[in-house]
Each structure stands twice: as C-alpha cells, then as structure tokens.
Amino acid sequence: MSETEQAPAPRTHRRRTRTVAIGTLGALGIAAGSLHGLSAASGDTTAVRSLAVPATDPTVVLGGRGGHSWDPGALGGGTGAPGTPGTTGSSTDAVAAATQATADQLVGVVDITTVLGYQNGEAAGTGMVLTADGEVLTNDHVVEGATSITVTVLSTGVSYTATVVGTDPTDDVAVLQLTDASGLDTVQPDEDPVAVGDDVTAVGNAGDEAGTAAAAGTVTALDQSITATDESGQDAEQLTGLIEIAADVEAGDSGGPLYDAEGEVAGMDTAASSTGGQAYAIPIATALSIAQQISDGVDDGTVHQGSPAFLGVSVQATGTGGAAVIGVVADGPADRAGLGAGDVVTAVGGTTVTTPDDVSAALADLDPGDPVVVTWTDTAGGSQTATVVLGAGPAD
C-alpha cells in the first residue's frame, strides 16, 4: 500500500463532528476528536477497548499509554465458545504472566507515543509496519486526539515522526505514515484464520514498562461483539467480529500483533479485561481490508482521510440562537480571525447557526486549509464576518 493524495474535491459526508477538551474548556475545535481509553462490553460485560492509556493517568487500565478494558462477564454472540451460548466460555484463572518479547516477535513492531496538545497530556500504544517505506497499522484509539506522533521501530531503536494517513473510528483502525522511512522490516500476516483452542501470543507495549511484553494464551471464541467505552465509561462504541483470547494483555498493547503458533500475525490487539486474563483482537484480515481502504483514499462516513478540519473554538448553546464562544485555542484559526470568548457564532459557510451542533455540521465536509466564512456577534453587539482558513485538528 502507498499513501494516496486526497484531491480537494466534493466528497461524501465525513462525520467530522467530534470535539476536543482543552484545560477546562468543553467542545473545542469542533470536528476534532476526544481521547478514548475504551472499554468493550456486550450484555452485562464491559471491556476497555484501548490497550493504550494516557501516560499522565496511571489509574487507567489498558491502552498502552492510551487504551481499552472491560469487566469480565457474559459476552453475547460469537462462535466457538465452549459452554452456554452467549457466554465467553473462557476463564481468567491460571493465565500465564507475560514475558519479554523475543527478537523475532519484535520484527515489524513499533511503539507509538503521542502528544495530546489540546488535552495537556500524552498517550501511547503499539503498531505494526505494513510497508518498507513506513506505513503503520494501529488502533484508532491509540492516536485519537494526537497533535504529534512519534514512532519507534523496536527492532532497530530508530524513531520517526509520523502523520495520520487515515482513520476508521467505527472499527478502531488507523494507518500512519513514517516520515523519511525506508527499508523497514514488516510483519507477516497470517493467511489462515485462527480457531478456538489455538495457541496465540499478544505482543505490545504493556503498561509502558521497559521492553516489550509477550502474553501467551489461547483463542477462546471467535466473531465476538463488544461495547467499547473510554476509561470513564463514556463514548460507548460497538466492535464486532473480534477474536477473544485468554491472555495477560495489558494497557499499552493496543495496536500490537496477535501472533499464531507459527509466528504470523492473526490479529491486532484491541481490548483487554480490567481484571486481567481476557482480551480481544481485530482479525488481521479485517484490519488490513480497512487499512487498504484508507490507503486507497476512501473518504466517507466511516473512513476518514488525514486529519480533520479544525476551527479552534469551544462553544455552547445560548438559549436564544447561535453558538456562544466560551474559549478559543490560542493562535488557532478562530483566534487569528478575531473570535473571542463571549462572541456568538451566527453563521458558518453561509449556513445559519442556531445551536453548537450547527457549527459541527457546517464543518463536517471541510478539510484543513479550506477557507470558510464565519459570522458572529461580538460582545459589544456588533456583527462581524471573517474568512477563516481551517487548521488541521487532532486525529479522530
């Protein structure tokens, strides 16, 4: 796969409506994304999706320095699980402790660290090299909210800056491109799916500790569906078609390889139990199919190219129409155009704004670098209009 340039042409709805928190501000940036730690659950079970957690929040379970987790319980759906249908059929008892990954297990594996510039934090996880020139596969939640990304190739120790080629937040997949990379070793995907009972090993940046962990285990169920939330239990999302394993997967492993007994990649580590011993992975065929769409330039309601457009304002409802500005990102697009706290946005791109959601909707199909006309009422009651050149927001 190779990085595809996205022409500035009309496209289908991109659903760029997420918000960013900055300090005590609320919906910032309109069309940017908020950090996920992610839990997954189905029925009575909740799992933390991200195996990557904010490095600044050591209490978060799972998510490499940015991750997911869940509470073990009945996980409806799926195939191959022993026992009563609708349960995981797995046990968290007597799961072997993770060990240090071998040199072979580190080939094509990378550590990913991110700066969350609008959230005053950092996060991290794991990824897999897909091409010799530096295309990297990881979980969307590993890079969500990132304003800068550094990737370290574990087999060589060389670090690169990285940009987001594209993301699929719905399926928790992202593709990165390393800057000026060449001659990299890549992971070897498994052409055959795993089966229940197969031995597997999850490799990743567990707990952000020195070295890289390898958690041996077994496949306990296939085609599992879970509900993922962040570490606070918010932002619930559905993940389907997952491989369930009994293994000591930890925060930081998100985006790392799930190896089969032959040492080939069968899946991408994505979620793990907050109490340990149980985890989930996206089948590698599924992840690679989505990665191919991203590299091919698909840009729709599910797959997003590059970084979202960014206005750089925090707004709230007024009760009388318009969207009240309660904060602006310093030196961001809105700030440079003259918007400030206390102003009320009344139109964006020629569309009348009556609620904060109208601002998001007006920006949803725009790209970084696009100009948009913004109209607002200033604190003195005067009407102001400016053409704002949108910036590149945090990864979504």
Protein backbone atom coordinates (compact mmCIF):
# COMPACT_ATOMS: atom_id res chain seq x y z
CA MET A 1 0.00 0.00 0.00
CA SER A 2 1.15 3.54 -0.58
CA GLU A 3 -0.04 6.85 0.75
CA THR A 4 -2.68 8.38 -1.51
CA GLU A 5 -3.04 12.11 -2.03
CA GLN A 6 -6.58 13.30 -1.40
CA ALA A 7 -7.72 15.78 -4.05
CA PRO A 8 -9.74 18.76 -2.74
CA ALA A 9 -12.92 17.66 -4.49
CA PRO A 10 -16.53 17.15 -3.30
CA ARG A 11 -16.92 14.05 -1.17
CA THR A 12 -19.47 12.20 0.86
CA HIS A 13 -20.25 13.17 4.44
CA ARG A 14 -17.18 12.72 6.63
CA ARG A 15 -18.88 12.86 10.04
CA ARG A 16 -16.12 15.07 11.46
CA THR A 17 -18.13 16.21 14.45
CA ARG A 18 -16.11 15.17 17.48
CA THR A 19 -14.89 17.70 19.99
CA VAL A 20 -11.68 18.32 21.90
CA ALA A 21 -11.32 19.32 25.53
CA ILE A 22 -8.57 21.79 26.40
CA GLY A 23 -8.00 22.66 30.01
CA THR A 24 -11.46 23.29 31.43
CA LEU A 25 -12.95 24.14 28.06
CA GLY A 26 -15.60 21.92 26.57
CA ALA A 27 -16.25 21.29 22.89
CA LEU A 28 -13.08 22.59 21.33
CA GLY A 29 -12.14 22.57 17.74
CA ILE A 30 -15.46 21.28 16.51
CA ALA A 31 -14.60 18.41 14.23
CA ALA A 32 -11.68 17.21 16.22
CA GLY A 33 -11.63 14.16 18.46
CA SER A 34 -11.57 13.46 22.18
CA LEU A 35 -9.26 10.87 23.69
CA HIS A 36 -10.54 7.32 24.06
CA GLY A 37 -9.27 4.81 26.57
CA LEU A 38 -12.04 2.32 25.59
CA SER A 39 -13.85 -0.45 27.23
CA ALA A 40 -15.77 -3.11 25.47
CA ALA A 41 -18.85 -4.90 26.53
CA SER A 42 -21.75 -6.98 25.40
CA GLY A 43 -24.73 -7.81 27.52
CA ASP A 44 -23.52 -7.46 31.11
CA THR A 45 -19.87 -7.19 30.15
CA THR A 46 -17.87 -4.04 29.69
CA ALA A 47 -14.34 -4.07 28.26
CA VAL A 48 -11.81 -1.32 27.99
CA ARG A 49 -11.21 -1.00 24.30
CA SER A 50 -7.96 0.80 24.21
CA LEU A 51 -4.90 -1.02 25.28
CA ALA A 52 -3.36 2.38 25.37
CA VAL A 53 -3.96 4.84 28.16
CA PRO A 54 -2.92 8.43 28.83
CA ALA A 55 0.62 8.38 30.17
CA THR A 56 -0.38 11.11 32.59
CA ASP A 57 -3.13 8.98 34.12
CA PRO A 58 -1.64 5.82 35.65
CA THR A 59 -5.01 4.76 37.06
CA VAL A 60 -6.42 3.97 33.64
CA VAL A 61 -6.45 0.28 32.85
CA LEU A 62 -5.41 -0.83 29.38
CA GLY A 63 -4.48 1.19 26.41
CA GLY A 64 -0.78 1.45 26.07
CA ARG A 65 -0.27 4.67 27.46
CA GLY A 66 -3.67 5.02 25.75
CA GLY A 67 -6.11 2.01 25.84
CA HIS A 68 -9.27 -0.16 26.48
CA SER A 69 -10.53 -2.60 29.13
CA TRP A 70 -13.66 -4.32 30.39
CA ASP A 71 -15.12 -6.20 33.31
CA PRO A 72 -15.37 -9.93 32.61
CA GLY A 73 -18.86 -11.37 32.31
CA ALA A 74 -21.27 -12.85 29.81
CA LEU A 75 -20.33 -11.73 26.29
CA GLY A 76 -23.19 -12.47 23.95
CA GLY A 77 -22.70 -13.52 20.35
CA GLY A 78 -19.75 -15.05 18.60
CA THR A 79 -18.89 -18.59 17.66
CA GLY A 80 -16.78 -21.38 19.01
CA ALA A 81 -17.05 -20.54 22.69
CA PRO A 82 -17.49 -23.64 24.84
CA GLY A 83 -20.28 -23.72 27.36
CA THR A 84 -23.62 -21.97 27.22
CA PRO A 85 -24.26 -19.92 24.06
CA GLY A 86 -23.95 -16.21 24.70
CA THR A 87 -21.05 -16.55 27.13
CA THR A 88 -17.37 -16.24 26.56
CA GLY A 89 -16.69 -19.80 27.62
CA SER A 90 -13.30 -18.67 28.85
CA SER A 91 -11.72 -18.44 32.26
CA THR A 92 -9.35 -15.82 33.62
CA ASP A 93 -7.90 -18.34 36.08
CA ALA A 94 -4.32 -19.56 35.73
CA VAL A 95 -3.40 -17.32 32.82
CA ALA A 96 0.36 -17.23 32.36
CA ALA A 97 2.13 -13.98 33.15
CA ALA A 98 3.51 -12.03 30.21
CA THR A 99 7.19 -12.42 29.40
CA GLN A 100 9.71 -10.39 27.41
CA ALA A 101 9.12 -10.49 23.66
CA THR A 102 11.75 -12.25 21.57
CA ALA A 103 13.72 -10.60 18.79
CA ASP A 104 11.60 -12.43 16.20
CA GLN A 105 8.42 -11.13 17.83
CA LEU A 106 9.67 -7.55 17.56
CA VAL A 107 10.21 -7.62 13.79
CA GLY A 108 7.87 -5.06 12.24
CA VAL A 109 6.53 -3.93 15.64
CA VAL A 110 6.66 -0.30 16.77
CA ASP A 111 5.96 1.78 19.86
CA ILE A 112 3.70 4.77 19.23
CA THR A 113 3.78 7.81 21.51
CA THR A 114 1.55 10.82 21.02
CA VAL A 115 1.19 14.33 22.37
CA LEU A 116 -2.40 15.36 23.08
CA GLY A 117 -1.81 19.07 22.63
CA TYR A 118 -5.37 20.16 23.34
CA GLN A 119 -5.76 17.89 26.35
CA ASN A 120 -2.47 18.63 28.07
CA GLY A 121 -1.40 15.00 28.05
CA GLU A 122 0.34 12.17 26.27
CA ALA A 123 -0.69 8.69 25.20
CA ALA A 124 0.88 5.66 23.58
CA GLY A 125 0.40 2.18 22.27
CA THR A 126 1.78 -0.23 19.70
CA GLY A 127 1.66 -0.65 15.92
CA MET A 128 2.73 -2.88 13.04
CA VAL A 129 4.78 -1.94 9.98
CA LEU A 130 2.94 -2.78 6.75
CA THR A 131 5.36 -1.45 4.13
CA ALA A 132 9.10 -0.95 3.87
CA ASP A 133 8.59 2.80 3.39
CA GLY A 134 6.84 3.16 6.73
CA GLU A 135 3.10 2.62 6.57
CA VAL A 136 1.99 1.53 10.05
CA LEU A 137 -1.23 -0.14 11.22
CA THR A 138 -2.59 0.59 14.70
CA ASN A 139 -5.82 1.17 16.61
CA ASP A 140 -7.64 4.45 16.08
CA HIS A 141 -7.85 4.95 19.83
CA VAL A 142 -4.05 4.89 20.10
CA VAL A 143 -3.74 8.08 18.05
CA GLU A 144 -7.09 9.76 18.70
CA GLY A 145 -6.62 13.31 19.93
CA ALA A 146 -2.96 13.35 18.90
CA THR A 147 -1.40 16.59 17.75
CA SER A 148 2.01 14.99 17.19
CA ILE A 149 3.09 11.35 16.86
CA THR A 150 6.46 9.63 17.32
CA VAL A 151 7.01 6.03 16.27
CA THR A 152 9.97 3.89 17.36
CA VAL A 153 10.86 0.75 15.42
CA LEU A 154 11.58 -1.78 18.16
CA SER A 155 13.99 -3.98 16.20
CA THR A 156 16.32 -1.05 15.45
CA GLY A 157 15.51 1.59 18.07
CA VAL A 158 15.17 4.25 15.36
CA SER A 159 12.40 6.82 15.90
CA TYR A 160 10.39 8.69 13.27
CA THR A 161 7.78 11.40 13.26
CA ALA A 162 4.50 10.17 11.82
CA THR A 163 1.41 11.60 10.19
CA VAL A 164 -2.09 10.16 10.05
CA VAL A 165 -2.91 8.74 6.62
CA GLY A 166 -6.46 8.00 7.72
CA THR A 167 -8.67 6.52 10.39
CA ASP A 168 -11.77 4.36 10.83
CA PRO A 169 -13.02 5.24 14.33
CA THR A 170 -16.02 2.93 13.98
CA ASP A 171 -13.83 -0.14 13.54
CA ASP A 172 -10.92 1.21 15.62
CA VAL A 173 -8.33 1.11 12.84
CA ALA A 174 -5.78 3.75 11.82
CA VAL A 175 -2.91 3.97 9.34
CA LEU A 176 0.15 6.16 9.92
CA GLN A 177 2.99 7.16 7.61
CA LEU A 178 6.51 7.47 8.98
CA THR A 179 8.50 10.43 7.65
CA ASP A 180 11.56 9.58 5.53
CA ALA A 181 11.42 5.87 6.33
CA SER A 182 12.80 3.19 4.02
CA GLY A 183 13.99 -0.39 4.13
CA LEU A 184 11.88 -1.32 7.16
CA ASP A 185 11.07 -4.90 8.08
CA THR A 186 7.35 -5.65 8.01
CA VAL A 187 5.08 -8.01 9.93
CA GLN A 188 3.92 -11.24 8.30
CA PRO A 189 0.11 -11.57 8.30
CA ASP A 190 -1.48 -15.00 8.66
CA GLU A 191 -3.42 -16.11 5.57
CA ASP A 192 -5.50 -18.60 7.56
CA PRO A 193 -7.86 -17.61 10.40
CA VAL A 194 -7.29 -18.96 13.89
CA ALA A 195 -9.63 -21.45 15.55
CA VAL A 196 -10.87 -21.87 19.09
CA GLY A 197 -8.18 -23.59 21.14
CA ASP A 198 -5.27 -22.30 19.05
CA ASP A 199 -2.21 -21.03 20.88
CA VAL A 200 -1.57 -17.31 20.39
CA THR A 201 0.73 -14.61 21.77
CA ALA A 202 -0.17 -10.92 22.16
CA VAL A 203 2.82 -8.60 21.86
CA GLY A 204 2.89 -4.93 22.77
CA ASN A 205 3.93 -2.04 24.95
CA ALA A 206 2.25 -3.45 28.06
CA GLY A 207 1.95 -0.94 30.88
CA ASP A 208 4.52 1.37 29.29
CA GLU A 209 7.25 -0.59 31.02
CA ALA A 210 10.78 -1.00 29.74
CA GLY A 211 10.92 -3.60 26.99
CA THR A 212 8.02 -5.18 25.11
CA ALA A 213 5.77 -7.85 26.61
CA ALA A 214 4.62 -11.12 25.08
CA ALA A 215 1.45 -12.57 26.61
CA ALA A 216 0.89 -16.21 25.67
CA GLY A 217 -2.64 -17.59 25.66
CA THR A 218 -5.31 -19.39 23.69
CA VAL A 219 -8.23 -18.44 21.47
CA THR A 220 -11.46 -18.89 23.44
CA ALA A 221 -14.08 -17.57 20.99
CA LEU A 222 -14.49 -16.04 17.54
CA ASP A 223 -16.73 -13.40 15.98
CA GLN A 224 -17.35 -11.69 19.29
CA SER A 225 -19.25 -8.41 19.71
CA ILE A 226 -18.44 -5.99 22.50
CA THR A 227 -19.33 -2.44 23.54
CA ALA A 228 -16.28 -0.26 23.98
CA THR A 229 -16.10 2.80 26.21
CA ASP A 230 -13.34 5.04 27.43
CA GLU A 231 -11.81 4.72 30.89
CA SER A 232 -14.58 6.88 32.36
CA GLY A 233 -17.31 4.70 30.88
CA GLN A 234 -18.22 7.28 28.24
CA ASP A 235 -18.18 7.31 24.41
CA ALA A 236 -19.58 3.80 24.02
CA GLU A 237 -18.94 2.20 20.64
CA GLN A 238 -19.67 -1.24 19.21
CA LEU A 239 -16.91 -3.52 17.95
CA THR A 240 -17.82 -6.75 16.17
CA GLY A 241 -16.16 -9.80 14.66
CA LEU A 242 -13.43 -9.96 17.28
CA ILE A 243 -11.13 -12.78 18.36
CA GLU A 244 -11.41 -13.46 22.09
CA ILE A 245 -8.36 -14.80 23.89
CA ALA A 246 -7.34 -15.83 27.39
CA ALA A 247 -4.06 -13.99 27.90
CA ASP A 248 -2.40 -11.46 30.20
CA VAL A 249 -2.85 -8.49 27.85
CA GLU A 250 -2.31 -5.05 29.43
CA ALA A 251 -2.61 -1.36 28.75
CA GLY A 252 -0.22 -0.33 26.01
CA ASP A 253 -0.68 -3.44 23.90
CA SER A 254 -3.31 -1.77 21.67
CA GLY A 255 -2.35 -1.96 18.03
CA GLY A 256 0.19 -4.73 18.61
CA PRO A 257 0.29 -8.11 16.87
CA LEU A 258 -1.55 -11.21 18.00
CA TYR A 259 0.73 -14.00 16.77
CA ASP A 260 -0.41 -17.52 15.99
CA ALA A 261 1.65 -20.64 16.77
CA GLU A 262 3.60 -20.18 13.51
CA GLY A 263 4.66 -16.66 14.43
CA GLU A 264 2.40 -14.99 11.87
CA VAL A 265 0.04 -12.13 12.73
CA ALA A 266 -3.51 -13.36 13.25
CA GLY A 267 -4.97 -10.17 14.72
CA MET A 268 -4.43 -6.71 16.18
CA ASP A 269 -4.66 -6.41 19.99
CA THR A 270 -7.53 -4.05 20.80
CA ALA A 271 -9.18 -4.61 24.19
CA ALA A 272 -8.50 -6.35 27.47
CA SER A 273 -10.20 -7.10 30.76
CA SER A 274 -9.70 -4.60 33.55
CA THR A 275 -9.21 -7.57 35.88
CA GLY A 276 -6.78 -9.36 33.58
CA GLY A 277 -6.70 -12.66 31.75
CA GLN A 278 -9.10 -11.93 28.90
CA ALA A 279 -8.65 -9.85 25.76
CA TYR A 280 -9.85 -9.17 22.23
CA ALA A 281 -8.19 -8.66 18.86
CA ILE A 282 -9.39 -7.50 15.47
CA PRO A 283 -8.76 -10.28 12.91
CA ILE A 284 -5.82 -9.22 10.77
CA ALA A 285 -7.76 -9.74 7.52
CA THR A 286 -10.37 -7.26 8.73
CA ALA A 287 -7.79 -4.71 9.84
CA LEU A 288 -5.84 -4.96 6.58
CA SER A 289 -9.01 -4.59 4.50
CA ILE A 290 -9.80 -1.33 6.28
CA ALA A 291 -6.16 -0.20 6.02
CA GLN A 292 -6.32 -0.77 2.26
CA GLN A 293 -9.41 1.43 2.01
CA ILE A 294 -7.58 4.16 3.91
CA SER A 295 -4.53 3.89 1.65
CA ASP A 296 -6.76 3.88 -1.44
CA GLY A 297 -8.16 7.27 -0.43
CA VAL A 298 -11.65 6.22 0.63
CA ASP A 299 -13.27 9.11 2.50
CA ASP A 300 -16.81 8.57 3.74
CA GLY A 301 -18.92 8.32 6.89
CA THR A 302 -16.68 5.57 8.28
CA VAL A 303 -13.22 6.01 6.77
CA HIS A 304 -11.57 9.43 7.16
CA GLN A 305 -8.54 10.71 5.29
CA GLY A 306 -5.83 12.60 7.16
CA SER A 307 -6.61 14.99 9.98
CA PRO A 308 -9.98 16.70 10.42
CA ALA A 309 -10.57 20.38 9.78
CA PHE A 310 -10.16 22.48 12.91
CA LEU A 311 -11.77 25.82 13.77
CA GLY A 312 -10.42 26.05 17.30
CA VAL A 313 -13.39 27.26 19.34
CA SER A 314 -15.29 25.96 22.33
CA VAL A 315 -18.99 26.73 22.02
CA GLN A 316 -22.18 26.19 23.96
CA ALA A 317 -25.89 26.82 23.44
CA THR A 318 -27.23 30.29 24.15
CA GLY A 319 -30.93 29.51 24.50
CA THR A 320 -31.69 32.37 22.13
CA GLY A 321 -29.96 31.16 18.97
CA GLY A 322 -26.39 30.99 17.81
CA ALA A 323 -23.43 29.27 19.47
CA ALA A 324 -21.73 31.12 22.31
CA VAL A 325 -17.92 31.02 22.25
CA ILE A 326 -16.60 30.09 25.69
CA GLY A 327 -12.98 29.67 24.64
CA VAL A 328 -10.59 29.68 21.71
CA VAL A 329 -7.37 27.80 21.02
CA ALA A 330 -4.51 30.28 21.30
CA ASP A 331 -3.22 31.22 17.84
CA GLY A 332 -5.74 28.84 16.27
CA PRO A 333 -7.80 29.68 13.17
CA ALA A 334 -10.65 31.31 15.12
CA ASP A 335 -8.27 33.24 17.35
CA ARG A 336 -6.39 34.63 14.36
CA ALA A 337 -9.70 35.66 12.76
CA GLY A 338 -10.61 37.69 15.83
CA LEU A 339 -13.17 35.49 17.60
CA GLY A 340 -13.03 35.52 21.37
CA ALA A 341 -14.86 34.34 24.46
CA GLY A 342 -18.28 35.96 24.73
CA ASP A 343 -18.84 36.21 20.98
CA VAL A 344 -21.81 34.35 19.48
CA VAL A 345 -21.36 32.50 16.17
CA THR A 346 -24.41 33.07 13.98
CA ALA A 347 -23.36 31.56 10.63
CA VAL A 348 -20.66 29.29 9.20
CA GLY A 349 -20.14 28.86 5.48
CA GLY A 350 -23.38 30.68 4.73
CA THR A 351 -25.42 28.36 6.96
CA THR A 352 -27.30 29.91 9.87
CA VAL A 353 -26.15 28.65 13.27
CA THR A 354 -28.82 28.17 15.93
CA THR A 355 -27.06 25.51 18.05
CA PRO A 356 -23.49 24.29 18.60
CA ASP A 357 -24.30 21.22 16.50
CA ASP A 358 -24.86 23.50 13.53
CA VAL A 359 -21.22 24.58 13.75
CA SER A 360 -20.11 20.94 13.66
CA ALA A 361 -22.39 20.16 10.73
CA ALA A 362 -21.12 23.15 8.75
CA LEU A 363 -17.52 21.97 9.13
CA ALA A 364 -18.10 18.23 8.68
CA ASP A 365 -17.27 18.11 4.96
CA LEU A 366 -14.36 20.55 5.01
CA ASP A 367 -10.62 19.85 5.08
CA PRO A 368 -7.64 21.55 6.72
CA GLY A 369 -6.66 24.55 4.61
CA ASP A 370 -10.20 25.16 3.38
CA PRO A 371 -11.48 28.73 3.79
CA VAL A 372 -14.86 29.22 5.43
CA VAL A 373 -16.80 32.41 6.11
CA VAL A 374 -17.74 32.79 9.78
CA THR A 375 -20.20 35.40 11.04
CA TRP A 376 -20.58 36.30 14.69
CA THR A 377 -21.95 38.88 17.08
CA ASP A 378 -19.23 40.38 19.23
CA THR A 379 -19.52 41.28 22.91
CA ALA A 380 -20.47 44.83 22.01
CA GLY A 381 -23.40 43.61 19.93
CA GLY A 382 -21.80 44.33 16.57
CA SER A 383 -21.90 41.91 13.62
CA GLN A 384 -18.52 40.62 12.42
CA THR A 385 -17.57 38.48 9.43
CA ALA A 386 -14.23 36.90 8.53
CA THR A 387 -12.90 34.24 6.20
CA VAL A 388 -11.19 31.65 8.38
CA VAL A 389 -8.64 29.22 6.97
CA LEU A 390 -9.24 25.97 8.85
CA GLY A 391 -6.34 24.24 10.52
CA ALA A 392 -5.52 20.55 10.97
CA GLY A 393 -7.13 19.20 14.10
CA PRO A 394 -6.13 16.31 16.33
CA ALA A 395 -6.51 12.83 14.88
CA ASP A 396 -10.00 11.42 15.19
